[in-house]
Amino acid sequence: MAALFFLYTKYLEFFEMEKINAVITGVGGYVPNYILDNEEMSRIVDTSDEWIMQRIGVKTRHILRPEQGSGTSYLMTRAVKQLLRKTQVDPASVELVICATTTPDYHFPSTASLVIDACGLPQAFGFDMEAACSGFLYALEVGANFVRSGRYQRIIVCGGDHMSSMTNYEDRNTCPIFGDGAACVMMEATTENYGLIDGYYRVDGIKGKAYEHLHMSAGGSARMPSHETVDGREHFVYQEGRAVYKHAVLDMTSAVKTIIQRNGLSKENVDWVVPHQANINIEASVAERIGISRDHVMVNIDHMANTSGGTLPLCLWEYEPRLKKGDNIVFTSFGAGFTWGASYMIWGYDGADEAAKEPAQFYKEGLISREEWYKLRSASEE
């Protein structure tokens, strides 16, 4: 009996040693050149910088103009190309691309297929995921499971949206919220104790008709485009701010607490919380309720706005220089559906050296002039 027990324990040790997980090994991102600030926004719709900053916390947002490019694939392609340059991996070694977006270029083909073609990834297959602002959170879990299966060694997960394409610039309550941008991560197989450790994901679609608070009423197969839907401006985001705010705070807080408790974490050993960038007041409320210092919460909504599926990876892109191997990171998001959740990751590399290879570039008011920023962006794209 003792011999059998010994063999059994050795088997368990071997199994644990060889357990495969998925770890992030690189981050890439992209935001468009054009910056729509609150001063210009106030000339488009009846609003002001004071009103926007107090209620939402957005100072500037990046907008993809037609003269620069079009579609979410444009944003994601540039993010993936930066990722490939930074990591210096063979494009032929990328086996899968998942694109989390609510604003695909077309109903079909998928945005992923366009990105794969534009980036020259000959061995990759790909597909899109749609879970609104929770898309990237969900896609990380899906991508990690492809790697955990043992059949895939290297994949790319993208998150981003061309939100200006479905923003009603006659609606003062929603148009200041959104911006355009995309970012991506490379995930690779590892047997070390790093990577995506746990996830808690939820959806409430019909109960209480949650979808009525945040949706686009036309454009899908249930209500196809017509003169009536276009004239009625039904192809834009509709949001009931108060209802969404309440649900977002409660549900993200609950999800983060669930992840922290079942993984034996505490507010002292959570290095970073990465929340969806929907509203600065939502982020502050979630941080306060879970007892995490604001110094440990990633925030870029002031100069990125809400890029929907892009907010979480854009935070990683911007904060990469501050990330250290072994950091405990908790992601959380909330979006239409309602969709929400949280996940726990142990970061797999020191970010400073990797970020220095090609730094995140964006305009942040007060740190650099617009002219300097435009010159910097133009030089990087030549």
Protein backbone atom coordinates (compact mmCIF):
# COMPACT_ATOMS: atom_id res chain seq x y z
CA MET A 1 0.00 0.00 0.00
CA ALA A 2 2.79 2.43 0.87
CA ALA A 3 4.46 1.76 -2.49
CA LEU A 4 1.22 2.47 -4.37
CA PHE A 5 0.73 5.70 -2.43
CA PHE A 6 4.30 6.74 -3.25
CA LEU A 7 3.76 6.09 -6.97
CA TYR A 8 0.47 7.97 -6.88
CA THR A 9 2.03 11.06 -5.29
CA LYS A 10 4.83 11.01 -7.85
CA TYR A 11 2.25 10.82 -10.61
CA LEU A 12 0.47 13.86 -9.20
CA GLU A 13 3.74 15.77 -8.94
CA PHE A 14 4.55 14.93 -12.57
CA PHE A 15 1.06 15.96 -13.69
CA GLU A 16 1.30 19.29 -11.92
CA MET A 17 4.80 19.91 -13.24
CA GLU A 18 3.66 19.37 -16.82
CA LYS A 19 0.40 21.30 -16.53
CA ILE A 20 0.14 23.74 -19.45
CA ASN A 21 -1.06 27.30 -18.98
CA ALA A 22 -1.23 30.36 -21.24
CA VAL A 23 0.92 33.38 -20.41
CA ILE A 24 1.06 36.80 -22.06
CA THR A 25 4.48 37.37 -23.63
CA GLY A 26 3.96 40.68 -25.42
CA VAL A 27 1.60 43.62 -25.93
CA GLY A 28 0.94 45.83 -28.96
CA GLY A 29 -1.45 48.72 -29.49
CA TYR A 30 -2.64 51.47 -31.76
CA VAL A 31 -4.76 54.62 -31.54
CA PRO A 32 -5.55 56.92 -34.50
CA ASN A 33 -3.86 60.25 -35.08
CA TYR A 34 -6.92 62.48 -34.89
CA ILE A 35 -7.77 63.77 -31.41
CA LEU A 36 -11.26 65.00 -30.58
CA ASP A 37 -11.03 67.04 -27.39
CA ASN A 38 -13.81 68.43 -25.25
CA GLU A 39 -13.46 71.93 -26.68
CA GLU A 40 -14.21 70.64 -30.16
CA MET A 41 -16.89 68.33 -28.79
CA SER A 42 -18.67 71.35 -27.29
CA ARG A 43 -18.91 72.84 -30.79
CA ILE A 44 -20.54 69.67 -32.10
CA VAL A 45 -23.12 69.14 -29.36
CA ASP A 46 -24.45 71.08 -26.36
CA THR A 47 -21.87 70.14 -23.73
CA SER A 48 -18.75 71.48 -22.03
CA ASP A 49 -15.40 70.30 -20.75
CA GLU A 50 -16.57 70.76 -17.17
CA TRP A 51 -19.72 68.66 -17.74
CA ILE A 52 -17.85 65.84 -19.45
CA MET A 53 -15.00 65.72 -16.94
CA GLN A 54 -17.34 65.72 -13.94
CA ARG A 55 -19.68 63.01 -15.22
CA ILE A 56 -17.42 60.82 -17.36
CA GLY A 57 -13.78 61.83 -16.87
CA VAL A 58 -12.84 61.98 -20.56
CA LYS A 59 -10.64 64.84 -21.78
CA THR A 60 -9.67 63.58 -25.23
CA ARG A 61 -10.50 60.65 -27.47
CA HIS A 62 -8.85 59.27 -30.62
CA ILE A 63 -11.03 59.09 -33.74
CA LEU A 64 -10.29 57.14 -36.92
CA ARG A 65 -10.94 59.52 -39.80
CA PRO A 66 -11.72 58.23 -43.33
CA GLU A 67 -8.63 59.88 -44.78
CA GLN A 68 -6.45 57.77 -42.47
CA GLY A 69 -8.19 54.42 -42.71
CA SER A 70 -11.43 52.59 -42.05
CA GLY A 71 -12.71 49.71 -40.00
CA THR A 72 -11.65 47.94 -36.85
CA SER A 73 -9.30 45.77 -38.91
CA TYR A 74 -7.22 48.89 -39.64
CA LEU A 75 -6.74 49.50 -35.91
CA MET A 76 -6.06 45.87 -35.05
CA THR A 77 -3.67 45.33 -37.95
CA ARG A 78 -1.45 48.12 -36.73
CA ALA A 79 -1.58 46.83 -33.18
CA VAL A 80 -0.61 43.31 -34.29
CA LYS A 81 2.21 44.59 -36.50
CA GLN A 82 3.66 46.48 -33.53
CA LEU A 83 3.37 43.35 -31.41
CA LEU A 84 5.23 41.30 -34.01
CA ARG A 85 7.98 43.92 -34.26
CA LYS A 86 8.44 44.03 -30.49
CA THR A 87 8.46 40.29 -29.92
CA GLN A 88 10.43 39.47 -33.11
CA VAL A 89 8.58 36.18 -33.50
CA ASP A 90 8.23 34.40 -36.83
CA PRO A 91 4.78 35.35 -38.22
CA ALA A 92 4.44 31.77 -39.46
CA SER A 93 4.56 30.56 -35.84
CA VAL A 94 1.28 32.33 -34.93
CA GLU A 95 -1.44 29.69 -34.97
CA LEU A 96 -4.59 31.61 -34.03
CA VAL A 97 -5.95 35.16 -33.95
CA ILE A 98 -9.06 36.03 -31.93
CA CYS A 99 -10.58 39.48 -32.44
CA ALA A 100 -12.93 40.79 -29.75
CA THR A 101 -14.99 43.58 -31.29
CA THR A 102 -18.51 44.96 -31.53
CA THR A 103 -17.69 46.94 -34.67
CA PRO A 104 -16.43 44.40 -37.22
CA ASP A 105 -15.62 45.71 -40.68
CA TYR A 106 -18.37 43.54 -42.15
CA HIS A 107 -20.91 40.91 -41.11
CA PHE A 108 -18.53 38.68 -43.03
CA PRO A 109 -15.70 38.06 -43.63
CA SER A 110 -14.51 38.18 -40.04
CA THR A 111 -12.24 40.94 -38.84
CA ALA A 112 -9.78 38.24 -37.79
CA SER A 113 -9.45 37.00 -41.37
CA LEU A 114 -8.68 40.54 -42.55
CA VAL A 115 -6.06 41.03 -39.83
CA ILE A 116 -4.44 37.67 -40.57
CA ASP A 117 -4.16 38.56 -44.25
CA ALA A 118 -2.89 42.11 -43.64
CA CYS A 119 -0.27 40.93 -41.13
CA GLY A 120 0.95 37.98 -43.20
CA LEU A 121 0.22 35.14 -40.77
CA PRO A 122 0.18 32.14 -43.13
CA GLN A 123 -0.44 29.39 -40.55
CA ALA A 124 -3.07 31.14 -38.42
CA PHE A 125 -6.79 30.59 -38.33
CA GLY A 126 -9.03 33.08 -36.62
CA PHE A 127 -12.47 34.26 -35.65
CA ASP A 128 -14.30 37.18 -34.05
CA MET A 129 -15.95 37.31 -30.63
CA GLU A 130 -18.70 39.74 -29.66
CA ALA A 131 -19.50 40.42 -26.02
CA ALA A 132 -19.55 44.23 -26.21
CA CYS A 133 -17.23 45.82 -23.66
CA SER A 134 -16.52 42.42 -22.05
CA GLY A 135 -15.26 40.99 -25.33
CA PHE A 136 -11.54 41.03 -24.57
CA LEU A 137 -12.08 39.63 -21.07
CA TYR A 138 -13.98 36.68 -22.55
CA ALA A 139 -11.53 36.29 -25.45
CA LEU A 140 -8.57 35.94 -23.07
CA GLU A 141 -10.27 32.95 -21.49
CA VAL A 142 -11.11 31.39 -24.84
CA GLY A 143 -7.58 31.94 -26.14
CA ALA A 144 -6.02 30.56 -22.98
CA ASN A 145 -8.07 27.38 -23.32
CA PHE A 146 -6.82 26.83 -26.88
CA VAL A 147 -3.29 26.98 -25.49
CA ARG A 148 -4.10 24.86 -22.43
CA SER A 149 -5.38 22.13 -24.74
CA GLY A 150 -1.76 21.51 -25.76
CA ARG A 151 -2.53 21.82 -29.47
CA TYR A 152 -1.51 25.48 -29.83
CA GLN A 153 1.72 27.12 -28.70
CA ARG A 154 1.36 30.75 -29.77
CA ILE A 155 -1.77 32.82 -30.38
CA ILE A 156 -2.77 36.49 -30.55
CA VAL A 157 -5.84 37.96 -28.84
CA CYS A 158 -7.01 41.38 -30.05
CA GLY A 159 -9.50 43.78 -28.53
CA GLY A 160 -10.67 46.99 -30.10
CA ASP A 161 -13.48 48.99 -31.60
CA HIS A 162 -14.17 51.72 -34.11
CA MET A 163 -16.74 53.24 -31.76
CA SER A 164 -17.08 56.49 -33.68
CA SER A 165 -18.72 54.43 -36.45
CA MET A 166 -21.79 53.88 -34.26
CA THR A 167 -21.76 57.00 -32.08
CA ASN A 168 -24.57 59.53 -32.45
CA TYR A 169 -22.90 62.94 -32.37
CA GLU A 170 -26.28 64.55 -31.80
CA ASP A 171 -26.69 62.77 -28.45
CA ARG A 172 -24.89 64.76 -25.76
CA ASN A 173 -25.27 61.93 -23.24
CA THR A 174 -23.33 59.31 -25.22
CA CYS A 175 -21.07 60.96 -27.81
CA PRO A 176 -18.46 62.25 -25.29
CA ILE A 177 -17.95 58.73 -23.93
CA PHE A 178 -16.45 56.86 -26.87
CA GLY A 179 -13.18 56.71 -28.80
CA ASP A 180 -11.41 54.44 -31.28
CA GLY A 181 -8.44 52.16 -30.63
CA ALA A 182 -7.18 48.58 -30.45
CA ALA A 183 -4.52 46.55 -28.71
CA CYS A 184 -3.47 42.93 -28.61
CA VAL A 185 -1.51 40.40 -26.60
CA MET A 186 0.53 37.37 -27.54
CA MET A 187 -0.24 34.28 -25.46
CA GLU A 188 2.09 31.30 -25.35
CA ALA A 189 2.21 27.92 -23.65
CA THR A 190 4.10 27.60 -20.37
CA THR A 191 4.54 25.01 -17.64
CA GLU A 192 5.61 27.68 -15.15
CA ASN A 193 3.18 29.18 -12.66
CA TYR A 194 2.36 32.24 -14.74
CA GLY A 195 -0.53 33.22 -16.96
CA LEU A 196 -4.30 33.21 -16.70
CA ILE A 197 -5.15 31.44 -13.45
CA ASP A 198 -8.89 31.85 -12.99
CA GLY A 199 -11.95 33.52 -14.49
CA TYR A 200 -15.51 34.32 -13.44
CA TYR A 201 -17.86 35.32 -16.27
CA ARG A 202 -21.55 36.17 -16.30
CA VAL A 203 -24.33 37.29 -18.63
CA ASP A 204 -27.89 38.51 -18.03
CA GLY A 205 -29.71 38.94 -21.30
CA ILE A 206 -33.42 38.41 -20.78
CA LYS A 207 -33.96 38.58 -17.03
CA GLY A 208 -35.31 42.05 -16.37
CA LYS A 209 -34.71 42.88 -20.06
CA ALA A 210 -31.24 44.15 -19.20
CA TYR A 211 -30.46 44.60 -22.89
CA GLU A 212 -32.93 47.48 -23.12
CA HIS A 213 -30.59 49.75 -21.15
CA LEU A 214 -27.69 49.45 -23.60
CA HIS A 215 -28.09 48.37 -27.21
CA MET A 216 -28.21 49.22 -30.90
CA SER A 217 -31.78 48.68 -32.05
CA ALA A 218 -31.20 48.17 -35.79
CA GLY A 219 -28.66 46.71 -38.19
CA GLY A 220 -28.95 43.03 -37.29
CA SER A 221 -31.13 40.30 -38.73
CA ALA A 222 -33.99 41.08 -36.32
CA ARG A 223 -34.26 44.64 -37.59
CA MET A 224 -32.46 45.02 -40.88
CA PRO A 225 -31.35 48.39 -42.25
CA SER A 226 -34.07 50.36 -43.98
CA HIS A 227 -34.98 53.95 -44.74
CA GLU A 228 -37.03 53.88 -41.55
CA THR A 229 -34.15 52.72 -39.32
CA VAL A 230 -31.69 55.16 -40.87
CA ASP A 231 -34.09 58.10 -40.61
CA GLY A 232 -34.81 57.11 -37.02
CA ARG A 233 -31.08 57.05 -36.20
CA GLU A 234 -31.38 53.50 -34.92
CA HIS A 235 -27.88 52.45 -35.98
CA PHE A 236 -26.19 54.19 -33.06
CA VAL A 237 -25.46 53.27 -29.46
CA TYR A 238 -28.40 53.73 -27.12
CA GLN A 239 -27.59 53.88 -23.42
CA GLU A 240 -29.51 54.65 -20.25
CA GLY A 241 -26.64 55.99 -18.21
CA ARG A 242 -28.00 55.64 -14.68
CA ALA A 243 -29.11 52.02 -15.07
CA VAL A 244 -25.83 51.01 -16.72
CA TYR A 245 -23.79 52.83 -14.05
CA LYS A 246 -25.58 51.02 -11.22
CA HIS A 247 -25.23 47.57 -12.76
CA ALA A 248 -21.60 48.15 -13.76
CA VAL A 249 -20.49 49.13 -10.26
CA LEU A 250 -22.35 46.31 -8.50
CA ASP A 251 -21.50 43.56 -10.97
CA MET A 252 -17.81 44.39 -11.46
CA THR A 253 -17.35 44.74 -7.70
CA SER A 254 -19.02 41.38 -7.09
CA ALA A 255 -16.96 39.66 -9.80
CA VAL A 256 -13.66 41.02 -8.49
CA LYS A 257 -14.50 40.01 -4.93
CA THR A 258 -15.34 36.50 -6.14
CA ILE A 259 -11.99 36.16 -7.93
CA ILE A 260 -10.03 37.56 -4.99
CA GLN A 261 -11.71 35.29 -2.44
CA ARG A 262 -11.49 32.02 -4.32
CA ASN A 263 -7.82 32.54 -5.21
CA GLY A 264 -6.72 33.47 -1.70
CA LEU A 265 -5.79 37.02 -2.70
CA SER A 266 -6.11 40.16 -0.63
CA LYS A 267 -6.05 43.87 -1.28
CA GLU A 268 -2.42 43.83 -0.13
CA ASN A 269 -1.15 41.38 -2.75
CA VAL A 270 -3.19 42.48 -5.78
CA ASP A 271 -0.65 44.51 -7.75
CA TRP A 272 -3.03 45.80 -10.42
CA VAL A 273 -6.73 45.95 -11.09
CA VAL A 274 -7.50 46.52 -14.79
CA PRO A 275 -11.11 47.74 -15.07
CA HIS A 276 -13.10 48.48 -18.19
CA GLN A 277 -12.70 52.18 -18.95
CA ALA A 278 -16.35 53.25 -19.15
CA ASN A 279 -16.53 56.08 -16.64
CA ILE A 280 -13.98 57.43 -14.17
CA ASN A 281 -16.60 57.41 -11.42
CA ILE A 282 -17.41 53.74 -12.00
CA GLU A 283 -13.73 52.87 -11.72
CA ALA A 284 -13.39 54.90 -8.52
CA SER A 285 -16.47 53.27 -6.98
CA VAL A 286 -15.28 49.73 -7.80
CA ALA A 287 -11.81 50.45 -6.37
CA GLU A 288 -13.32 51.85 -3.18
CA ARG A 289 -15.72 48.93 -2.71
CA ILE A 290 -12.99 46.30 -3.09
CA GLY A 291 -10.54 48.29 -0.97
CA ILE A 292 -7.82 48.65 -3.61
CA SER A 293 -5.76 51.85 -3.67
CA ARG A 294 -6.23 53.98 -6.78
CA ASP A 295 -2.46 53.70 -7.28
CA HIS A 296 -3.02 50.05 -8.16
CA VAL A 297 -5.87 50.65 -10.63
CA MET A 298 -5.03 51.15 -14.30
CA VAL A 299 -6.76 54.24 -15.69
CA ASN A 300 -6.50 55.80 -19.14
CA ILE A 301 -10.07 56.88 -19.82
CA ASP A 302 -9.08 60.56 -19.61
CA HIS A 303 -7.15 60.41 -22.89
CA MET A 304 -8.45 57.17 -24.49
CA ALA A 305 -12.18 57.35 -23.63
CA ASN A 306 -14.23 54.16 -23.84
CA THR A 307 -12.94 52.01 -26.71
CA SER A 308 -15.21 49.11 -25.71
CA GLY A 309 -13.30 45.87 -26.45
CA GLY A 310 -10.07 47.87 -26.57
CA THR A 311 -10.00 49.27 -23.04
CA LEU A 312 -8.36 46.36 -21.19
CA PRO A 313 -5.56 45.64 -23.68
CA LEU A 314 -4.93 49.38 -24.21
CA CYS A 315 -4.36 49.65 -20.45
CA LEU A 316 -1.79 46.84 -20.66
CA TRP A 317 -0.14 48.56 -23.64
CA GLU A 318 0.19 51.82 -21.74
CA TYR A 319 1.15 50.37 -18.35
CA GLU A 320 3.53 47.72 -19.73
CA PRO A 321 6.68 49.54 -18.49
CA ARG A 322 5.37 49.25 -14.91
CA LEU A 323 4.50 45.55 -15.03
CA LYS A 324 6.82 43.08 -13.32
CA LYS A 325 7.13 39.32 -13.59
CA GLY A 326 4.98 37.74 -10.91
CA ASP A 327 2.55 40.65 -10.55
CA ASN A 328 -0.96 39.62 -9.53
CA ILE A 329 -3.39 41.24 -11.97
CA VAL A 330 -7.19 41.23 -11.79
CA PHE A 331 -9.17 42.19 -14.90
CA THR A 332 -12.82 43.19 -14.79
CA SER A 333 -15.29 44.43 -17.34
CA PHE A 334 -18.96 45.16 -17.96
CA GLY A 335 -20.85 45.56 -21.21
CA ALA A 336 -24.09 45.31 -23.12
CA GLY A 337 -26.03 42.12 -22.69
CA PHE A 338 -25.43 42.61 -19.79
CA THR A 339 -22.06 40.86 -19.84
CA TRP A 340 -19.53 41.08 -17.04
CA GLY A 341 -16.86 39.23 -15.14
CA ALA A 342 -13.35 39.19 -13.76
CA SER A 343 -10.19 37.14 -14.20
CA TYR A 344 -6.93 36.62 -12.36
CA MET A 345 -3.55 36.52 -14.07
CA ILE A 346 0.03 36.20 -12.87
CA TRP A 347 2.11 38.38 -15.18
CA GLY A 348 4.91 36.58 -16.98
CA TYR A 349 7.66 39.12 -17.79
CA ASP A 350 9.25 42.42 -16.77
CA GLY A 351 7.61 44.97 -19.03
CA ALA A 352 10.08 47.87 -18.98
CA ASP A 353 12.59 46.45 -21.45
CA GLU A 354 9.89 45.19 -23.82
CA ALA A 355 8.00 48.49 -23.77
CA ALA A 356 11.21 50.39 -24.52
CA LYS A 357 11.55 48.60 -27.86
CA GLU A 358 8.55 50.48 -29.22
CA PRO A 359 6.77 52.61 -26.60
CA ALA A 360 3.03 53.14 -26.49
CA GLN A 361 2.34 56.37 -28.36
CA PHE A 362 -0.68 58.54 -27.71
CA TYR A 363 -1.49 62.16 -27.10
CA LYS A 364 -1.93 63.07 -23.46
CA GLU A 365 -2.78 66.69 -22.85
CA GLY A 366 -0.23 68.57 -20.80
CA LEU A 367 2.62 66.13 -21.37
CA ILE A 368 3.25 66.78 -25.06
CA SER A 369 1.98 69.28 -27.61
CA ARG A 370 -0.32 68.13 -30.38
CA GLU A 371 2.25 69.14 -32.98
CA GLU A 372 4.94 67.05 -31.29
CA TRP A 373 2.58 64.10 -31.02
CA TYR A 374 1.59 64.24 -34.69
CA LYS A 375 5.25 64.38 -35.71
CA LEU A 376 6.00 61.39 -33.48
CA ARG A 377 3.15 59.37 -34.93
CA SER A 378 3.98 60.28 -38.52
CA ALA A 379 7.61 59.22 -38.04
CA SER A 380 6.60 55.87 -36.50
CA GLU A 381 4.32 55.01 -39.43
CA GLU A 382 6.77 55.82 -42.22
